[in-house]
Amino acid sequence: MILNEDGTFDLFMLTGFNPSLTNLPVHVWVEDTGGKEAKVLVPLSQSYPSTIDDTVVILVYPEAEIVSGELPIETFELIKKWVDQNQILILKHSEGEICSIDLWKEAVPL
């Protein structure tokens, strides 16, 4: 995970999706690096910048699973569905095969 020295996320290494792009009830960030270790981050705080302490981390591959933090099951199930239907794109993006703009264009909302 790409963190600054103060524990905040390096936003230049993340691609943000607001709810209007995903139809999710929360904002999500897709990590720009990591290959098969790609992660989706869900900031729980509306404060900026988000830190690892107030962010849920969801591993993308082999299937979406929470590796840090907690979410209501209903919210996680929606994020899992979005991640599953966009998994190939997220992994291609994480491996550098497509850029953030392509991920925004091609990702399928719920």
Protein backbone atom coordinates (compact mmCIF):
# COMPACT_ATOMS: atom_id res chain seq x y z
CA MET A 1 0.00 0.00 0.00
CA ILE A 2 1.27 3.45 -0.83
CA LEU A 3 1.39 5.63 2.29
CA ASN A 4 2.99 9.00 2.96
CA GLU A 5 5.22 9.41 6.03
CA ASP A 6 2.27 10.80 8.03
CA GLY A 7 0.17 7.66 7.38
CA THR A 8 -2.07 9.28 4.76
CA PHE A 9 -2.52 7.72 1.34
CA ASP A 10 -0.51 8.90 -1.64
CA LEU A 11 -3.46 9.94 -3.78
CA PHE A 12 -1.27 9.96 -6.89
CA MET A 13 -1.10 6.16 -6.55
CA LEU A 14 -4.87 5.66 -6.25
CA THR A 15 -7.77 5.96 -8.67
CA GLY A 16 -10.90 7.31 -7.04
CA PHE A 17 -14.48 6.33 -7.84
CA ASN A 18 -17.29 8.36 -6.34
CA PRO A 19 -20.74 6.81 -5.93
CA SER A 20 -22.00 8.32 -9.19
CA LEU A 21 -19.50 6.14 -11.11
CA THR A 22 -20.16 2.88 -9.23
CA ASN A 23 -23.69 3.14 -7.79
CA LEU A 24 -22.11 2.10 -4.48
CA PRO A 25 -23.16 3.88 -1.27
CA VAL A 26 -19.51 4.81 -0.57
CA HIS A 27 -16.49 6.30 -2.32
CA VAL A 28 -13.83 3.71 -3.23
CA TRP A 29 -10.20 3.97 -4.27
CA VAL A 30 -8.43 1.43 -6.48
CA GLU A 31 -4.73 0.98 -5.81
CA ASP A 32 -2.64 1.75 -8.91
CA THR A 33 0.04 -0.86 -8.16
CA GLY A 34 0.21 -4.30 -6.69
CA GLY A 35 -0.56 -6.78 -9.47
CA LYS A 36 -2.41 -9.75 -7.97
CA GLU A 37 -2.15 -7.99 -4.58
CA ALA A 38 -4.41 -5.18 -5.86
CA LYS A 39 -6.61 -3.58 -3.25
CA VAL A 40 -9.75 -1.47 -3.09
CA LEU A 41 -9.77 1.08 -0.27
CA VAL A 42 -12.92 2.41 1.37
CA PRO A 43 -12.39 5.56 3.47
CA LEU A 44 -14.82 5.59 6.39
CA SER A 45 -14.16 9.21 7.31
CA GLN A 46 -15.20 12.20 5.25
CA SER A 47 -12.11 14.04 6.51
CA TYR A 48 -9.21 14.63 4.17
CA PRO A 49 -6.72 13.13 3.93
CA SER A 50 -7.80 9.62 4.86
CA THR A 51 -5.41 7.48 6.85
CA ILE A 52 -5.05 3.72 7.11
CA ASP A 53 -6.73 3.94 10.53
CA ASP A 54 -10.06 5.05 9.05
CA THR A 55 -9.98 2.99 5.87
CA VAL A 56 -11.24 -0.50 5.08
CA VAL A 57 -8.87 -2.46 2.84
CA ILE A 58 -10.36 -5.05 0.49
CA LEU A 59 -8.16 -7.50 -1.41
CA VAL A 60 -9.35 -7.93 -5.02
CA TYR A 61 -7.85 -11.30 -6.00
CA PRO A 62 -8.67 -14.19 -5.97
CA GLU A 63 -11.98 -12.82 -4.65
CA ALA A 64 -12.94 -9.69 -2.77
CA GLU A 65 -12.29 -10.01 0.94
CA ILE A 66 -11.75 -7.53 3.75
CA VAL A 67 -8.18 -7.70 5.04
CA SER A 68 -8.33 -4.66 7.34
CA GLY A 69 -11.17 -2.73 8.96
CA GLU A 70 -14.90 -3.36 9.20
CA LEU A 71 -17.94 -2.59 7.06
CA PRO A 72 -21.63 -3.36 7.42
CA ILE A 73 -22.24 -6.66 5.58
CA GLU A 74 -24.71 -5.00 3.19
CA THR A 75 -22.10 -2.44 2.12
CA PHE A 76 -19.40 -5.09 1.75
CA GLU A 77 -21.67 -7.29 -0.38
CA LEU A 78 -22.30 -4.37 -2.77
CA ILE A 79 -18.58 -3.54 -2.99
CA LYS A 80 -17.78 -7.24 -3.50
CA LYS A 81 -20.27 -7.39 -6.38
CA TRP A 82 -18.73 -4.28 -7.99
CA VAL A 83 -15.18 -5.63 -7.50
CA ASP A 84 -16.13 -9.06 -8.89
CA GLN A 85 -17.69 -7.62 -12.04
CA ASN A 86 -14.68 -5.32 -12.60
CA GLN A 87 -11.93 -7.62 -11.30
CA ILE A 88 -10.16 -8.14 -14.64
CA LEU A 89 -10.05 -4.37 -15.26
CA ILE A 90 -8.82 -3.66 -11.72
CA LEU A 91 -6.03 -6.24 -12.08
CA LYS A 92 -5.04 -4.92 -15.54
CA HIS A 93 -4.89 -1.44 -14.07
CA SER A 94 -2.86 -2.60 -11.08
CA GLU A 95 -0.42 -4.37 -13.40
CA GLY A 96 -0.01 -1.24 -15.55
CA GLU A 97 -1.76 -2.67 -18.62
CA ILE A 98 -4.41 0.07 -18.64
CA CYS A 99 -4.38 3.61 -17.23
CA SER A 100 -6.77 5.23 -14.77
CA ILE A 101 -8.79 6.88 -17.55
CA ASP A 102 -9.39 3.49 -19.17
CA LEU A 103 -10.43 2.05 -15.80
CA TRP A 104 -12.93 4.91 -15.30
CA LYS A 105 -14.32 4.47 -18.82
CA GLU A 106 -14.61 0.68 -18.77
CA ALA A 107 -15.61 -0.07 -15.16
CA VAL A 108 -19.21 -1.23 -14.98
CA PRO A 109 -21.39 0.33 -12.26
CA LEU A 110 -23.83 -1.79 -10.26
